[in-house]
């Protein structure tokens, strides 16, 4: 496992998210009330970019077909996706956000 710096805390305001790169892995990183959550950027339906999705509280909606995922657990909240997205551990240190990748 590798801990990779992906953003500064101030880069992602509370209630927002975006795609970041952690080595070769594209990750959707979200800030929910000051806590950072990282999920795979690809929707499990057909690979839509979740980092570009609309975030409402802790649920992101895929911009391609509307699948919804809980960014705090990776679980599917609404179809058409049926499989959860992969979660990644996050850590904040000295104003930077790190993600642990395999």
N, C-alpha and C. Protein backbone atom coordinates (compact mmCIF):
# COMPACT_ATOMS: atom_id res chain seq x y z
N UNK A 1 0.84 -1.19 0.00
CA UNK A 1 0.00 0.00 0.00
C UNK A 1 0.88 1.24 0.00
N UNK A 2 0.41 2.25 -0.71
CA UNK A 2 1.16 3.50 -0.79
C UNK A 2 0.25 4.66 -0.41
N UNK A 3 0.79 5.57 0.36
CA UNK A 3 0.06 6.77 0.75
C UNK A 3 0.49 7.87 -0.22
N UNK A 4 -0.49 8.41 -0.97
CA UNK A 4 -0.20 9.37 -2.04
C UNK A 4 -0.90 10.69 -1.75
N UNK A 5 -0.16 11.80 -1.84
CA UNK A 5 -0.76 13.13 -1.68
C UNK A 5 -1.55 13.44 -2.94
N UNK A 6 -2.84 13.80 -2.76
CA UNK A 6 -3.69 14.05 -3.93
C UNK A 6 -4.25 15.47 -4.00
N UNK A 7 -4.24 16.19 -2.90
CA UNK A 7 -4.81 17.55 -2.91
C UNK A 7 -4.42 18.27 -1.63
N UNK A 8 -4.64 19.57 -1.64
CA UNK A 8 -4.57 20.37 -0.42
C UNK A 8 -5.99 20.46 0.12
N UNK A 9 -6.11 20.59 1.43
CA UNK A 9 -7.43 20.69 2.05
C UNK A 9 -8.26 21.81 1.42
N UNK A 10 -7.61 22.95 1.15
CA UNK A 10 -8.35 24.10 0.61
C UNK A 10 -8.76 23.91 -0.85
N UNK A 11 -8.24 22.89 -1.53
CA UNK A 11 -8.60 22.64 -2.93
C UNK A 11 -10.04 22.15 -3.09
N UNK A 12 -10.57 21.52 -2.05
CA UNK A 12 -11.90 20.91 -2.15
C UNK A 12 -12.76 21.41 -1.00
N UNK A 13 -13.63 22.36 -1.31
CA UNK A 13 -14.51 22.95 -0.29
C UNK A 13 -15.50 21.92 0.23
N UNK A 14 -15.96 22.14 1.45
CA UNK A 14 -16.97 21.26 2.04
C UNK A 14 -18.20 21.21 1.14
N UNK A 15 -18.71 20.00 0.92
CA UNK A 15 -19.89 19.81 0.08
C UNK A 15 -19.59 19.70 -1.40
N UNK A 16 -18.29 19.53 -1.73
CA UNK A 16 -17.90 19.39 -3.13
C UNK A 16 -16.98 18.20 -3.31
N UNK A 17 -16.69 17.90 -4.55
CA UNK A 17 -15.76 16.83 -4.88
C UNK A 17 -15.17 17.05 -6.24
N UNK A 18 -14.16 16.25 -6.56
CA UNK A 18 -13.54 16.31 -7.89
C UNK A 18 -12.68 15.09 -8.09
N UNK A 19 -12.27 14.89 -9.33
CA UNK A 19 -11.39 13.79 -9.65
C UNK A 19 -9.95 14.20 -9.36
N UNK A 20 -9.21 13.29 -8.74
CA UNK A 20 -7.78 13.48 -8.49
C UNK A 20 -7.05 12.23 -8.95
N UNK A 21 -5.77 12.37 -9.16
CA UNK A 21 -4.96 11.24 -9.61
C UNK A 21 -4.06 10.80 -8.47
N UNK A 22 -4.07 9.51 -8.17
CA UNK A 22 -3.18 8.93 -7.16
C UNK A 22 -2.34 7.88 -7.88
N UNK A 23 -1.20 8.30 -8.37
CA UNK A 23 -0.41 7.41 -9.21
C UNK A 23 -1.17 7.12 -10.48
N UNK A 24 -1.43 5.86 -10.75
CA UNK A 24 -2.18 5.45 -11.96
C UNK A 24 -3.68 5.37 -11.71
N UNK A 25 -4.11 5.63 -10.49
CA UNK A 25 -5.51 5.45 -10.11
C UNK A 25 -6.26 6.78 -10.12
N UNK A 26 -7.38 6.82 -10.87
CA UNK A 26 -8.26 8.00 -10.88
C UNK A 26 -9.26 7.84 -9.73
N UNK A 27 -9.30 8.84 -8.87
CA UNK A 27 -10.12 8.79 -7.66
C UNK A 27 -11.06 9.99 -7.62
N UNK A 28 -12.27 9.75 -7.16
CA UNK A 28 -13.21 10.84 -6.89
C UNK A 28 -13.07 11.16 -5.41
N UNK A 29 -12.66 12.38 -5.09
CA UNK A 29 -12.41 12.81 -3.72
C UNK A 29 -13.47 13.82 -3.31
N UNK A 30 -14.12 13.58 -2.17
CA UNK A 30 -15.21 14.43 -1.70
C UNK A 30 -14.92 14.93 -0.29
N UNK A 31 -15.38 16.15 -0.01
CA UNK A 31 -15.26 16.75 1.31
C UNK A 31 -16.67 16.89 1.87
N UNK A 32 -16.97 16.10 2.90
CA UNK A 32 -18.28 16.14 3.55
C UNK A 32 -18.07 16.69 4.96
N UNK A 33 -18.37 17.96 5.16
CA UNK A 33 -18.24 18.57 6.47
C UNK A 33 -16.84 18.53 7.04
N UNK A 34 -15.83 18.59 6.17
CA UNK A 34 -14.45 18.58 6.63
C UNK A 34 -13.82 17.21 6.69
N UNK A 35 -14.59 16.16 6.42
CA UNK A 35 -14.07 14.80 6.35
C UNK A 35 -13.95 14.41 4.88
N UNK A 36 -12.81 13.87 4.49
CA UNK A 36 -12.57 13.52 3.09
C UNK A 36 -12.84 12.04 2.85
N UNK A 37 -13.51 11.77 1.72
CA UNK A 37 -13.84 10.41 1.30
C UNK A 37 -13.34 10.21 -0.12
N UNK A 38 -12.75 9.04 -0.38
CA UNK A 38 -12.21 8.74 -1.69
C UNK A 38 -12.82 7.44 -2.21
N UNK A 39 -13.35 7.52 -3.44
CA UNK A 39 -13.91 6.35 -4.10
C UNK A 39 -13.31 6.26 -5.50
N UNK A 40 -13.44 5.10 -6.11
CA UNK A 40 -13.00 4.96 -7.50
C UNK A 40 -13.76 5.97 -8.35
N UNK A 41 -13.09 6.61 -9.28
CA UNK A 41 -13.74 7.63 -10.11
C UNK A 41 -14.70 7.04 -11.13
N UNK A 42 -14.62 5.73 -11.39
CA UNK A 42 -15.45 5.10 -12.41
C UNK A 42 -16.72 4.50 -11.82
N UNK A 43 -17.85 4.95 -12.34
CA UNK A 43 -19.14 4.36 -11.96
C UNK A 43 -19.13 2.88 -12.34
N UNK A 44 -19.70 2.04 -11.49
CA UNK A 44 -19.71 0.61 -11.76
C UNK A 44 -20.75 0.21 -12.81
N UNK A 45 -21.55 1.16 -13.27
CA UNK A 45 -22.51 0.86 -14.34
C UNK A 45 -21.79 0.77 -15.68
N UNK A 46 -21.27 1.89 -16.21
CA UNK A 46 -20.50 1.87 -17.46
C UNK A 46 -19.28 2.79 -17.40
N UNK A 47 -18.80 3.11 -16.22
CA UNK A 47 -17.54 3.84 -16.09
C UNK A 47 -17.62 5.35 -16.12
N UNK A 48 -18.78 5.92 -15.87
CA UNK A 48 -18.91 7.38 -15.85
C UNK A 48 -18.03 8.01 -14.79
N UNK A 49 -17.63 9.27 -14.99
CA UNK A 49 -16.70 9.96 -14.08
C UNK A 49 -17.40 10.51 -12.83
N UNK A 50 -17.32 9.78 -11.73
CA UNK A 50 -18.03 10.19 -10.51
C UNK A 50 -17.52 11.51 -9.94
N UNK A 51 -16.27 11.83 -10.16
CA UNK A 51 -15.72 13.10 -9.69
C UNK A 51 -16.37 14.30 -10.35
N UNK A 52 -17.07 14.09 -11.46
CA UNK A 52 -17.80 15.15 -12.14
C UNK A 52 -19.29 15.11 -11.81
N UNK A 53 -19.67 14.17 -10.94
CA UNK A 53 -21.07 14.03 -10.57
C UNK A 53 -21.56 15.11 -9.63
N UNK A 54 -22.87 15.16 -9.47
CA UNK A 54 -23.50 16.13 -8.56
C UNK A 54 -23.55 15.51 -7.17
N UNK A 55 -23.07 16.26 -6.17
CA UNK A 55 -23.04 15.79 -4.79
C UNK A 55 -24.18 16.44 -4.01
N UNK A 56 -24.97 15.63 -3.35
CA UNK A 56 -26.05 16.11 -2.49
C UNK A 56 -25.90 15.41 -1.15
N UNK A 57 -25.54 16.16 -0.13
CA UNK A 57 -25.18 15.62 1.18
C UNK A 57 -24.06 14.61 0.98
N UNK A 58 -24.30 13.32 1.20
CA UNK A 58 -23.22 12.33 1.04
C UNK A 58 -23.44 11.42 -0.16
N UNK A 59 -24.30 11.82 -1.09
CA UNK A 59 -24.62 11.00 -2.26
C UNK A 59 -24.18 11.70 -3.54
N UNK A 60 -23.39 10.98 -4.36
CA UNK A 60 -22.97 11.51 -5.65
C UNK A 60 -23.80 10.81 -6.74
N UNK A 61 -24.21 11.60 -7.73
CA UNK A 61 -24.96 11.08 -8.86
C UNK A 61 -24.07 11.07 -10.09
N UNK A 62 -23.95 9.91 -10.73
CA UNK A 62 -23.13 9.79 -11.92
C UNK A 62 -23.69 10.68 -13.02
N UNK A 63 -22.84 11.47 -13.68
CA UNK A 63 -23.33 12.37 -14.71
C UNK A 63 -23.77 11.67 -15.99
N UNK A 64 -23.44 10.41 -16.17
CA UNK A 64 -23.80 9.73 -17.42
C UNK A 64 -25.20 9.13 -17.39
N UNK A 65 -25.52 8.32 -16.38
CA UNK A 65 -26.81 7.62 -16.39
C UNK A 65 -27.57 7.72 -15.07
N UNK A 66 -27.06 8.52 -14.12
CA UNK A 66 -27.81 8.79 -12.91
C UNK A 66 -27.68 7.80 -11.77
N UNK A 67 -26.75 6.85 -11.86
CA UNK A 67 -26.52 5.96 -10.72
C UNK A 67 -26.11 6.82 -9.53
N UNK A 68 -26.53 6.41 -8.33
CA UNK A 68 -26.21 7.18 -7.13
C UNK A 68 -25.46 6.30 -6.13
N UNK A 69 -24.43 6.90 -5.52
CA UNK A 69 -23.58 6.19 -4.57
C UNK A 69 -23.40 7.01 -3.31
N UNK A 70 -23.36 6.33 -2.17
CA UNK A 70 -23.02 6.96 -0.90
C UNK A 70 -21.50 7.07 -0.86
N UNK A 71 -20.97 8.28 -0.86
CA UNK A 71 -19.51 8.46 -0.91
C UNK A 71 -18.84 8.07 0.41
N UNK A 72 -19.60 7.92 1.48
CA UNK A 72 -19.01 7.53 2.77
C UNK A 72 -18.87 6.02 2.91
N UNK A 73 -19.56 5.25 2.05
CA UNK A 73 -19.50 3.79 2.13
C UNK A 73 -19.21 3.12 0.80
N UNK A 74 -19.44 3.82 -0.31
CA UNK A 74 -19.28 3.23 -1.64
C UNK A 74 -20.51 2.47 -2.11
N UNK A 75 -21.51 2.35 -1.25
CA UNK A 75 -22.70 1.56 -1.59
C UNK A 75 -23.58 2.24 -2.62
N UNK A 76 -24.24 1.42 -3.45
CA UNK A 76 -25.19 1.92 -4.44
C UNK A 76 -26.45 2.37 -3.70
N UNK A 77 -26.91 3.58 -4.04
CA UNK A 77 -28.14 4.13 -3.47
C UNK A 77 -29.27 4.06 -4.50
N UNK A 78 -28.90 4.18 -5.78
CA UNK A 78 -29.91 4.15 -6.83
C UNK A 78 -29.35 3.61 -8.13
N UNK A 79 -30.18 2.86 -8.88
CA UNK A 79 -29.75 2.26 -10.14
C UNK A 79 -29.51 3.32 -11.23
N UNK A 80 -28.91 2.91 -12.34
CA UNK A 80 -28.80 1.54 -12.83
C UNK A 80 -27.62 0.73 -12.30
N UNK A 81 -26.64 1.32 -11.63
CA UNK A 81 -25.52 0.55 -11.07
C UNK A 81 -26.06 -0.44 -10.04
N UNK A 82 -25.38 -1.58 -9.97
CA UNK A 82 -25.77 -2.62 -8.99
C UNK A 82 -24.64 -2.96 -8.03
N UNK A 83 -23.41 -2.62 -8.42
CA UNK A 83 -22.25 -2.94 -7.58
C UNK A 83 -21.70 -1.69 -6.93
N UNK A 84 -21.23 -1.78 -5.69
CA UNK A 84 -20.63 -0.61 -5.01
C UNK A 84 -19.32 -0.22 -5.68
N UNK A 85 -18.89 1.01 -5.42
CA UNK A 85 -17.59 1.47 -5.91
C UNK A 85 -16.54 1.22 -4.84
N UNK A 86 -15.31 1.06 -5.29
CA UNK A 86 -14.21 0.82 -4.35
C UNK A 86 -13.94 2.08 -3.54
N UNK A 87 -13.73 1.87 -2.25
CA UNK A 87 -13.37 2.96 -1.34
C UNK A 87 -11.85 2.94 -1.11
N UNK A 88 -11.31 4.11 -0.80
CA UNK A 88 -9.90 4.25 -0.45
C UNK A 88 -9.81 5.00 0.86
N UNK A 89 -8.87 4.60 1.70
CA UNK A 89 -8.63 5.29 2.97
C UNK A 89 -8.03 6.66 2.69
N UNK A 90 -8.44 7.65 3.48
CA UNK A 90 -7.88 8.99 3.35
C UNK A 90 -7.24 9.41 4.67
N UNK A 91 -6.33 10.36 4.55
CA UNK A 91 -5.67 10.93 5.73
C UNK A 91 -5.37 12.39 5.44
N UNK A 92 -5.56 13.24 6.43
CA UNK A 92 -5.22 14.65 6.29
C UNK A 92 -4.06 14.94 7.24
N UNK A 93 -3.02 15.55 6.68
CA UNK A 93 -1.85 15.87 7.49
C UNK A 93 -1.22 17.16 6.96
N UNK A 94 -1.00 18.11 7.84
CA UNK A 94 -0.34 19.37 7.50
C UNK A 94 -1.01 20.06 6.31
N UNK A 95 -2.35 20.03 6.27
CA UNK A 95 -3.10 20.73 5.22
C UNK A 95 -3.17 20.00 3.89
N UNK A 96 -2.68 18.77 3.85
CA UNK A 96 -2.71 17.98 2.62
C UNK A 96 -3.61 16.76 2.81
N UNK A 97 -4.22 16.33 1.71
CA UNK A 97 -5.07 15.13 1.71
C UNK A 97 -4.29 14.01 1.03
N UNK A 98 -4.22 12.87 1.71
CA UNK A 98 -3.53 11.69 1.20
C UNK A 98 -4.54 10.56 1.02
N UNK A 99 -4.30 9.73 0.02
CA UNK A 99 -5.13 8.56 -0.23
C UNK A 99 -4.22 7.34 -0.25
N UNK A 100 -4.69 6.26 0.40
CA UNK A 100 -3.93 5.02 0.41
C UNK A 100 -4.38 4.16 -0.75
N UNK A 101 -3.45 3.84 -1.64
CA UNK A 101 -3.79 3.02 -2.80
C UNK A 101 -3.01 1.71 -2.75
N UNK A 102 -3.59 0.66 -3.33
CA UNK A 102 -2.90 -0.64 -3.33
C UNK A 102 -1.65 -0.64 -4.20
